[in-house]
C-alpha atoms as a PDB file:
ATOM      1  CA  MET A   1     115.897  82.018  86.156  1.00  0.00           C
ATOM      2  CA  LYS A   2     112.465  81.091  87.498  1.00  0.00           C
ATOM      3  CA  CYS A   3     109.788  83.080  89.334  1.00  0.00           C
ATOM      4  CA  GLU A   4     107.170  81.413  91.536  1.00  0.00           C
ATOM      5  CA  LYS A   5     104.385  83.582  92.925  1.00  0.00           C
ATOM      6  CA  LEU A   6     103.978  83.155  96.665  1.00  0.00           C
ATOM      7  CA  LYS A   7     101.350  85.723  97.572  1.00  0.00           C
ATOM      8  CA  ASP A   8      99.356  88.303  95.631  1.00  0.00           C
ATOM      9  CA  ASP A   9      97.412  90.598  97.953  1.00  0.00           C
ATOM     10  CA  LYS A  10      95.811  93.023  95.509  1.00  0.00           C
ATOM     11  CA  LYS A  11      93.696  94.660  98.196  1.00  0.00           C
ATOM     12  CA  ASN A  12      96.762  95.774 100.153  1.00  0.00           C
ATOM     13  CA  LYS A  13      98.862  96.168  96.977  1.00  0.00           C
ATOM     14  CA  LYS A  14     101.453  93.562  97.991  1.00  0.00           C
ATOM     15  CA  LEU A  15     103.121  90.846  95.931  1.00  0.00           C
ATOM     16  CA  SER A  16     105.812  88.344  96.834  1.00  0.00           C
ATOM     17  CA  PHE A  17     107.502  85.717  94.687  1.00  0.00           C
ATOM     18  CA  LEU A  18     110.352  83.212  94.904  1.00  0.00           C
ATOM     19  CA  LEU A  19     113.246  83.995  92.582  1.00  0.00           C
ATOM     20  CA  SER A  20     115.465  81.022  91.775  1.00  0.00           C
ATOM     21  CA  GLY A  21     118.382  80.628  89.382  1.00  0.00           C
ATOM     22  CA  SER A  22     119.411  84.261  89.924  1.00  0.00           C
ATOM     23  CA  ASN A  23     121.387  86.289  92.461  1.00  0.00           C
ATOM     24  CA  GLU A  24     121.357  89.417  94.617  1.00  0.00           C
ATOM     25  CA  VAL A  25     122.878  91.531  91.842  1.00  0.00           C
ATOM     26  CA  PHE A  26     119.886  91.020  89.547  1.00  0.00           C
ATOM     27  CA  ALA A  27     117.369  91.350  92.395  1.00  0.00           C
ATOM     28  CA  ASN A  28     118.957  94.593  93.577  1.00  0.00           C
ATOM     29  CA  ALA A  29     118.907  95.974  90.026  1.00  0.00           C
ATOM     30  CA  ILE A  30     115.145  95.384  89.829  1.00  0.00           C
ATOM     31  CA  ARG A  31     114.673  96.824  93.317  1.00  0.00           C
ATOM     32  CA  ARG A  32     116.506 100.024  92.430  1.00  0.00           C
ATOM     33  CA  LEU A  33     114.696 100.403  89.111  1.00  0.00           C
ATOM     34  CA  ILE A  34     111.322 100.165  90.869  1.00  0.00           C
ATOM     35  CA  ILE A  35     112.258 102.744  93.482  1.00  0.00           C
ATOM     36  CA  GLU A  36     114.245 105.131  91.280  1.00  0.00           C
ATOM     37  CA  GLU A  37     113.209 104.837  87.634  1.00  0.00           C
ATOM     38  CA  VAL A  38     109.688 103.457  87.171  1.00  0.00           C
ATOM     39  CA  PRO A  39     107.777 106.670  86.294  1.00  0.00           C
ATOM     40  CA  THR A  40     104.530 107.893  87.850  1.00  0.00           C
ATOM     41  CA  LEU A  41     102.422 111.037  87.951  1.00  0.00           C
ATOM     42  CA  ALA A  42     102.750 113.458  90.873  1.00  0.00           C
ATOM     43  CA  VAL A  43     101.669 117.063  91.418  1.00  0.00           C
ATOM     44  CA  GLU A  44     104.607 119.306  90.560  1.00  0.00           C
ATOM     45  CA  GLU A  45     103.009 122.731  90.106  1.00  0.00           C
ATOM     46  CA  VAL A  46     100.170 124.284  92.129  1.00  0.00           C
ATOM     47  CA  GLU A  47      98.418 127.511  91.183  1.00  0.00           C
ATOM     48  CA  ILE A  48      96.606 128.796  94.259  1.00  0.00           C
ATOM     49  CA  LYS A  49      93.741 131.107  93.348  1.00  0.00           C
ATOM     50  CA  ASP A  50      92.283 131.232  96.833  1.00  0.00           C
ATOM     51  CA  ASN A  51      93.351 129.801 100.188  1.00  0.00           C
ATOM     52  CA  ASN A  52      92.376 131.224 103.553  1.00  0.00           C
ATOM     53  CA  SER A  53      92.543 127.897 105.376  1.00  0.00           C
ATOM     54  CA  ALA A  54      94.793 127.220 108.367  1.00  0.00           C
ATOM     55  CA  LEU A  55      97.448 125.770 106.039  1.00  0.00           C
ATOM     56  CA  HIS A  56      99.913 128.154 104.409  1.00  0.00           C
ATOM     57  CA  ASP A  57     100.114 127.973 100.608  1.00  0.00           C
ATOM     58  CA  GLU A  58     103.429 126.098 100.774  1.00  0.00           C
ATOM     59  CA  MET A  59     102.056 123.431 103.136  1.00  0.00           C
ATOM     60  CA  LEU A  60      98.933 122.956 101.035  1.00  0.00           C
ATOM     61  CA  ALA A  61     101.056 122.499  97.902  1.00  0.00           C
ATOM     62  CA  LEU A  62     103.322 120.047  99.757  1.00  0.00           C
ATOM     63  CA  ARG A  63     100.371 117.896 100.837  1.00  0.00           C
ATOM     64  CA  LEU A  64      98.955 117.820  97.318  1.00  0.00           C
ATOM     65  CA  GLY A  65     102.336 116.872  95.873  1.00  0.00           C
ATOM     66  CA  LEU A  66     102.638 113.846  98.145  1.00  0.00           C
ATOM     67  CA  ILE A  67      99.209 112.313  97.392  1.00  0.00           C
ATOM     68  CA  PRO A  68      99.705 109.349  95.000  1.00  0.00           C
ATOM     69  CA  ILE A  69      97.972 109.583  91.604  1.00  0.00           C
ATOM     70  CA  LYS A  70      96.794 106.576  89.586  1.00  0.00           C
ATOM     71  CA  THR A  71      99.073 106.422  86.558  1.00  0.00           C
ATOM     72  CA  ASP A  72      98.322 105.052  83.090  1.00  0.00           C
ATOM     73  CA  LEU A  73     101.685 104.094  81.590  1.00  0.00           C
ATOM     74  CA  LYS A  74     100.092 103.535  78.174  1.00  0.00           C
ATOM     75  CA  SER A  75      98.912 107.145  77.959  1.00  0.00           C
ATOM     76  CA  TYR A  76     101.716 109.000  79.725  1.00  0.00           C
ATOM     77  CA  ARG A  77     105.497 109.044  79.414  1.00  0.00           C
ATOM     78  CA  LEU A  78     108.422 110.981  80.856  1.00  0.00           C
ATOM     79  CA  PRO A  79     108.835 114.491  79.404  1.00  0.00           C
ATOM     80  CA  LYS A  80     111.577 114.725  76.791  1.00  0.00           C
ATOM     81  CA  ASN A  81     112.473 118.280  77.797  1.00  0.00           C
ATOM     82  CA  GLN A  82     111.353 121.127  80.037  1.00  0.00           C
ATOM     83  CA  ASP A  83     109.380 122.727  77.208  1.00  0.00           C
ATOM     84  CA  GLU A  84     106.900 119.834  77.282  1.00  0.00           C
ATOM     85  CA  VAL A  85     106.272 120.497  80.964  1.00  0.00           C
ATOM     86  CA  THR A  86     106.037 124.268  80.506  1.00  0.00           C
ATOM     87  CA  GLU A  87     103.590 123.867  77.632  1.00  0.00           C
ATOM     88  CA  LYS A  88     101.674 121.223  79.633  1.00  0.00           C
ATOM     89  CA  SER A  89     101.916 118.495  77.013  1.00  0.00           C
ATOM     90  CA  ALA A  90      99.054 115.982  77.310  1.00  0.00           C
ATOM     91  CA  SER A  91     101.500 113.092  76.912  1.00  0.00           C
ATOM     92  CA  CYS A  92     103.416 113.810  80.124  1.00  0.00           C
ATOM     93  CA  THR A  93     101.291 116.166  82.260  1.00  0.00           C
ATOM     94  CA  LEU A  94      97.837 116.055  83.847  1.00  0.00           C
ATOM     95  CA  GLN A  95      95.610 118.888  85.036  1.00  0.00           C
ATOM     96  CA  LEU A  96      93.620 118.643  88.273  1.00  0.00           C
ATOM     97  CA  LYS A  97      91.433 121.142  90.112  1.00  0.00           C
ATOM     98  CA  LEU A  98      90.303 121.305  93.728  1.00  0.00           C
ATOM     99  CA  LYS A  99      87.726 123.802  94.904  1.00  0.00           C
ATOM    100  CA  ALA A 100      85.868 123.749  98.223  1.00  0.00           C
ATOM    101  CA  ASN A 101      84.134 126.268 100.496  1.00  0.00           C
ATOM    102  CA  LYS A 102      82.184 124.122 102.949  1.00  0.00           C
ATOM    103  CA  LYS A 103      82.996 123.646 106.616  1.00  0.00           C
ATOM    104  CA  GLY A 104      84.809 120.413 107.429  1.00  0.00           C
ATOM    105  CA  TYR A 105      87.426 118.205 105.814  1.00  0.00           C
ATOM    106  CA  VAL A 106      88.306 118.501 102.137  1.00  0.00           C
ATOM    107  CA  TYR A 107      89.156 115.060 100.776  1.00  0.00           C
ATOM    108  CA  ALA A 108      91.272 114.015  97.813  1.00  0.00           C
ATOM    109  CA  GLU A 109      88.198 112.602  96.040  1.00  0.00           C
ATOM    110  CA  GLU A 110      86.862 116.149  95.632  1.00  0.00           C
ATOM    111  CA  ALA A 111      89.637 116.979  93.150  1.00  0.00           C
ATOM    112  CA  GLU A 112      88.582 116.956  89.493  1.00  0.00           C
ATOM    113  CA  SER A 113      90.981 115.336  87.051  1.00  0.00           C
ATOM    114  CA  ALA A 114      91.156 116.014  83.323  1.00  0.00           C
ATOM    115  CA  ASP A 115      91.684 112.267  82.884  1.00  0.00           C
ATOM    116  CA  PRO A 116      89.120 110.057  84.703  1.00  0.00           C
ATOM    117  CA  LYS A 117      91.630 107.163  84.709  1.00  0.00           C
ATOM    118  CA  CYS A 118      94.185 109.199  86.627  1.00  0.00           C
ATOM    119  CA  THR A 119      92.824 110.446  89.948  1.00  0.00           C
ATOM    120  CA  PHE A 120      94.153 110.557  93.501  1.00  0.00           C
ATOM    121  CA  VAL A 121      94.589 106.995  94.772  1.00  0.00           C
ATOM    122  CA  TYR A 122      93.207 107.441  98.279  1.00  0.00           C
ATOM    123  CA  GLU A 123      89.821 109.103  97.955  1.00  0.00           C
ATOM    124  CA  LYS A 124      89.328 109.740 101.669  1.00  0.00           C
ATOM    125  CA  MET A 125      92.789 111.198 102.288  1.00  0.00           C
ATOM    126  CA  PRO A 126      92.271 114.582 104.013  1.00  0.00           C
ATOM    127  CA  VAL A 127      93.842 117.536 102.232  1.00  0.00           C
ATOM    128  CA  VAL A 128      92.804 120.344 104.577  1.00  0.00           C
ATOM    129  CA  LYS A 129      90.127 121.180 107.145  1.00  0.00           C
ATOM    130  CA  LEU A 130      88.064 124.297 106.555  1.00  0.00           C
ATOM    131  CA  LEU A 131      86.225 126.394 109.113  1.00  0.00           C
ATOM    132  CA  SER A 132      83.150 128.475 108.401  1.00  0.00           C
ATOM    133  CA  LYS A 133      83.740 131.021 105.586  1.00  0.00           C
ATOM    134  CA  GLN A 134      87.100 129.464 104.665  1.00  0.00           C
ATOM    135  CA  LYS A 135      87.741 128.148 101.156  1.00  0.00           C
ATOM    136  CA  ILE A 136      90.380 126.857  98.781  1.00  0.00           C
ATOM    137  CA  ASP A 137      90.614 127.021  95.003  1.00  0.00           C
ATOM    138  CA  VAL A 138      93.678 125.466  93.394  1.00  0.00           C
ATOM    139  CA  THR A 139      94.729 124.212  89.971  1.00  0.00           C
ATOM    140  CA  MET A 140      97.368 121.500  89.881  1.00  0.00           C
ATOM    141  CA  THR A 141      99.699 120.215  87.191  1.00  0.00           C
ATOM    142  CA  ALA A 142     100.872 116.648  87.683  1.00  0.00           C
ATOM    143  CA  VAL A 143     103.995 115.626  85.785  1.00  0.00           C
ATOM    144  CA  MET A 144     105.514 112.236  84.993  1.00  0.00           C
ATOM    145  CA  GLY A 145     108.708 111.795  86.968  1.00  0.00           C
ATOM    146  CA  GLN A 146     111.034 109.309  88.665  1.00  0.00           C
ATOM    147  CA  GLY A 147     111.871 108.528  92.264  1.00  0.00           C
ATOM    148  CA  LYS A 148     115.536 109.408  91.755  1.00  0.00           C
ATOM    149  CA  GLU A 149     114.401 113.039  91.399  1.00  0.00           C
ATOM    150  CA  HIS A 150     111.939 113.049  94.312  1.00  0.00           C
ATOM    151  CA  THR A 151     110.364 110.312  96.423  1.00  0.00           C
ATOM    152  CA  LYS A 152     106.844 111.509  95.515  1.00  0.00           C
ATOM    153  CA  TRP A 153     107.350 109.770  92.143  1.00  0.00           C
ATOM    154  CA  THR A 154     108.367 106.442  93.717  1.00  0.00           C
ATOM    155  CA  PRO A 155     105.594 103.901  93.011  1.00  0.00           C
ATOM    156  CA  GLY A 156     106.280 101.699  96.004  1.00  0.00           C
ATOM    157  CA  LEU A 157     108.688  99.666  98.079  1.00  0.00           C
ATOM    158  CA  ALA A 158     110.737  96.673  96.920  1.00  0.00           C
ATOM    159  CA  HIS A 159     112.973  94.431  99.025  1.00  0.00           C
ATOM    160  CA  TYR A 160     114.298  90.871  99.037  1.00  0.00           C
ATOM    161  CA  LYS A 161     115.886  88.297 101.324  1.00  0.00           C
ATOM    162  CA  LYS A 162     117.385  84.828 101.163  1.00  0.00           C
ATOM    163  CA  GLU A 163     114.877  81.973 101.277  1.00  0.00           C
ATOM    164  CA  PRO A 164     114.808  80.551 104.827  1.00  0.00           C
ATOM    165  CA  VAL A 165     114.841  76.772 105.296  1.00  0.00           C
ATOM    166  CA  LEU A 166     113.278  75.791 108.621  1.00  0.00           C
ATOM    167  CA  LYS A 167     113.943  72.330 110.065  1.00  0.00           C
ATOM    168  CA  VAL A 168     112.290  71.007 113.203  1.00  0.00           C
ATOM    169  CA  SER A 169     113.267  67.857 115.131  1.00  0.00           C
ATOM    170  CA  LYS A 170     112.445  67.192 118.779  1.00  0.00           C
ATOM    171  CA  ILE A 171     111.291  70.371 120.530  1.00  0.00           C
ATOM    172  CA  GLN A 172     112.627  70.584 124.082  1.00  0.00           C
ATOM    173  CA  ASN A 173     110.106  73.082 125.441  1.00  0.00           C
ATOM    174  CA  PRO A 174     106.863  73.308 123.399  1.00  0.00           C
ATOM    175  CA  GLU A 175     105.155  75.479 126.039  1.00  0.00           C
ATOM    176  CA  ARG A 176     107.857  78.118 125.866  1.00  0.00           C
ATOM    177  CA  LEU A 177     107.769  78.035 122.065  1.00  0.00           C
ATOM    178  CA  ALA A 178     103.985  78.470 122.123  1.00  0.00           C
ATOM    179  CA  SER A 179     104.317  81.520 124.407  1.00  0.00           C
ATOM    180  CA  VAL A 180     106.543  83.420 121.955  1.00  0.00           C
ATOM    181  CA  CYS A 181     105.158  82.173 118.613  1.00  0.00           C
ATOM    182  CA  SER A 182     103.116  85.205 117.590  1.00  0.00           C
ATOM    183  CA  ASP A 183     103.419  84.873 113.798  1.00  0.00           C
ATOM    184  CA  GLY A 184     101.699  81.502 113.324  1.00  0.00           C
ATOM    185  CA  VAL A 185     104.765  79.630 112.068  1.00  0.00           C
ATOM    186  CA  PHE A 186     104.098  76.765 114.491  1.00  0.00           C
ATOM    187  CA  ARG A 187     100.854  74.981 115.281  1.00  0.00           C
ATOM    188  CA  ILE A 188     101.310  73.616 118.802  1.00  0.00           C
ATOM    189  CA  LYS A 189      99.052  71.129 120.547  1.00  0.00           C
ATOM    190  CA  GLY A 190     100.544  69.728 123.724  1.00  0.00           C
ATOM    191  CA  ASN A 191     103.927  68.278 122.778  1.00  0.00           C
ATOM    192  CA  ASN A 192     103.023  68.104 119.094  1.00  0.00           C
ATOM    193  CA  VAL A 193     104.605  70.889 116.996  1.00  0.00           C
ATOM    194  CA  GLU A 194     103.713  71.372 113.333  1.00  0.00           C
ATOM    195  CA  VAL A 195     105.210  73.901 110.913  1.00  0.00           C
ATOM    196  CA  VAL A 196     102.763  76.070 108.980  1.00  0.00           C
ATOM    197  CA  ALA A 197     104.680  76.287 105.696  1.00  0.00           C
ATOM    198  CA  GLU A 198     102.895  79.332 104.254  1.00  0.00           C
ATOM    199  CA  LYS A 199     103.889  81.391 107.313  1.00  0.00           C
ATOM    200  CA  VAL A 200     107.617  80.627 107.177  1.00  0.00           C
ATOM    201  CA  TYR A 201     108.515  83.086 104.394  1.00  0.00           C
ATOM    202  CA  GLU A 202     106.748  85.967 106.170  1.00  0.00           C
ATOM    203  CA  SER A 203     108.214  85.320 109.616  1.00  0.00           C
ATOM    204  CA  LYS A 204     110.813  87.626 111.134  1.00  0.00           C
ATOM    205  CA  LEU A 205     111.281  85.467 114.234  1.00  0.00           C
ATOM    206  CA  LEU A 206     112.913  82.347 112.778  1.00  0.00           C
ATOM    207  CA  ASP A 207     116.358  83.108 114.220  1.00  0.00           C
ATOM    208  CA  THR A 208     114.760  83.745 117.611  1.00  0.00           C
ATOM    209  CA  TYR A 209     113.079  80.334 117.525  1.00  0.00           C
ATOM    210  CA  ALA A 210     116.379  78.659 116.595  1.00  0.00           C
ATOM    211  CA  GLU A 211     118.191  80.365 119.481  1.00  0.00           C
ATOM    212  CA  MET A 212     115.632  79.350 122.094  1.00  0.00           C
ATOM    213  CA  ASP A 213     115.322  75.653 121.180  1.00  0.00           C
ATOM    214  CA  LYS A 214     117.981  73.243 119.891  1.00  0.00           C
ATOM    215  CA  GLY A 215     115.300  71.284 118.042  1.00  0.00           C
ATOM    216  CA  ILE A 216     114.883  74.145 115.584  1.00  0.00           C
ATOM    217  CA  SER A 217     117.429  75.084 112.934  1.00  0.00           C
ATOM    218  CA  VAL A 218     117.324  77.776 110.250  1.00  0.00           C
ATOM    219  CA  THR A 219     119.494  77.879 107.138  1.00  0.00           C
ATOM    220  CA  HIS A 220     119.155  79.779 103.883  1.00  0.00           C
ATOM    221  CA  SER A 221     119.110  78.574 100.275  1.00  0.00           C
ATOM    222  CA  ASP A 222     120.421  80.437  97.224  1.00  0.00           C
ATOM    223  CA  ASN A 223     116.860  81.394  96.259  1.00  0.00           C
ATOM    224  CA  LEU A 224     115.500  84.855  96.970  1.00  0.00           C
ATOM    225  CA  ILE A 225     112.123  85.998  98.238  1.00  0.00           C
ATOM    226  CA  PHE A 226     111.260  89.253  96.474  1.00  0.00           C
ATOM    227  CA  ASN A 227     108.572  91.514  97.930  1.00  0.00           C
ATOM    228  CA  VAL A 228     106.849  94.448  96.249  1.00  0.00           C
ATOM    229  CA  GLU A 229     104.448  96.873  97.933  1.00  0.00           C
ATOM    230  CA  GLY A 230     102.778  99.584  95.876  1.00  0.00           C
ATOM    231  CA  TRP A 231     101.545 103.003  96.970  1.00  0.00           C
ATOM    232  CA  GLY A 232      98.675 102.778  94.483  1.00  0.00           C
ATOM    233  CA  GLN A 233      99.902 104.633  91.393  1.00  0.00           C
ATOM    234  CA  LEU A 234     100.644 101.324  89.670  1.00  0.00           C
ATOM    235  CA  SER A 235      99.889  97.680  90.361  1.00  0.00           C
ATOM    236  CA  CYS A 236     102.751  95.475  91.566  1.00  0.00           C
ATOM    237  CA  LYS A 237     102.717  93.681  88.220  1.00  0.00           C
ATOM    238  CA  GLU A 238     103.012  96.989  86.345  1.00  0.00           C
ATOM    239  CA  MET A 239     105.935  98.025  88.541  1.00  0.00           C
ATOM    240  CA  LEU A 240     107.807  94.785  87.847  1.00  0.00           C
ATOM    241  CA  THR A 241     107.004  94.766  84.132  1.00  0.00           C
ATOM    242  CA  LYS A 242     108.103  98.388  83.687  1.00  0.00           C
ATOM    243  CA  SER A 243     111.312  97.817  85.650  1.00  0.00           C
ATOM    244  CA  ALA A 244     112.114  94.861  83.363  1.00  0.00           C
ATOM    245  CA  ASP A 245     111.459  97.012  80.277  1.00  0.00           C
ATOM    246  CA  ILE A 246     113.774  99.720  81.605  1.00  0.00           C
ATOM    247  CA  LEU A 247     116.495  97.143  82.320  1.00  0.00           C
ATOM    248  CA  LEU A 248     116.251  95.809  78.753  1.00  0.00           C
ATOM    249  CA  GLU A 249     116.509  99.347  77.384  1.00  0.00           C
ATOM    250  CA  LYS A 250     119.659  99.924  79.414  1.00  0.00           C
ATOM    251  CA  VAL A 251     121.196  96.652  78.208  1.00  0.00           C
ATOM    252  CA  GLU A 252     120.411  97.496  74.564  1.00  0.00           C
ATOM    253  CA  GLU A 253     121.906 100.968  75.008  1.00  0.00           C
ATOM    254  CA  MET A 254     125.062  99.463  76.472  1.00  0.00           C
ATOM    255  CA  GLU A 255     125.362  97.045  73.528  1.00  0.00           C
ATOM    256  CA  LYS A 256     125.185  99.983  71.119  1.00  0.00           C
ATOM    257  CA  ARG A 257     127.965 101.783  72.959  1.00  0.00           C
ATOM    258  CA  LEU A 258     130.331  98.804  73.098  1.00  0.00           C
END
């Protein structure tokens, strides 16, 4: 098996790579592990000391629970039992506080975290809007969890597709192709049509191009293009590395049971 990085957009938390010498079974296993089993921190318990905003207590708690939290996998792990959560063990839970009494929006960055490394990912995400004389005062407990229990613990999105192979011969109608080519796959100057290779893997219009002009054909190789998009709790590399570690643990456990 071989992995070749195609694009690493750290700003937008996206990573894509070409997976060769493998198959859909392995790719789907990694995809499901990322979505369902790679652990992250998320607000699970909210103690509301004061809230006279327009949002009911339940809605405020829901919003807080869905805001992604930066997660340090070296410092935190999944709770071994419910007692660790109840006792707020430092190895699997995190305490945050949010207190505001000024008119206007209350943003996620205003929350104070007991661990400076683990704060809300999107600082300018609005939590609630306060009017004059309104205030909120809440204490939150974030817990390590997995996406198979609730989507708020899912670190991101993972998907894959077969590698497309685009072949171009004589284009019958370059003008028509130019009018529909909105993804930059083709560079068209008069009757001259060039393929922009780095745009091919991202395109979702290849089949459309093949249908509209006989000079274009699209086939697929046995290689897979794997895409990962993070919500911010973990980097794409951390998501992939952790999913691989979990897969190895499962294989070792199976070997013990056989």
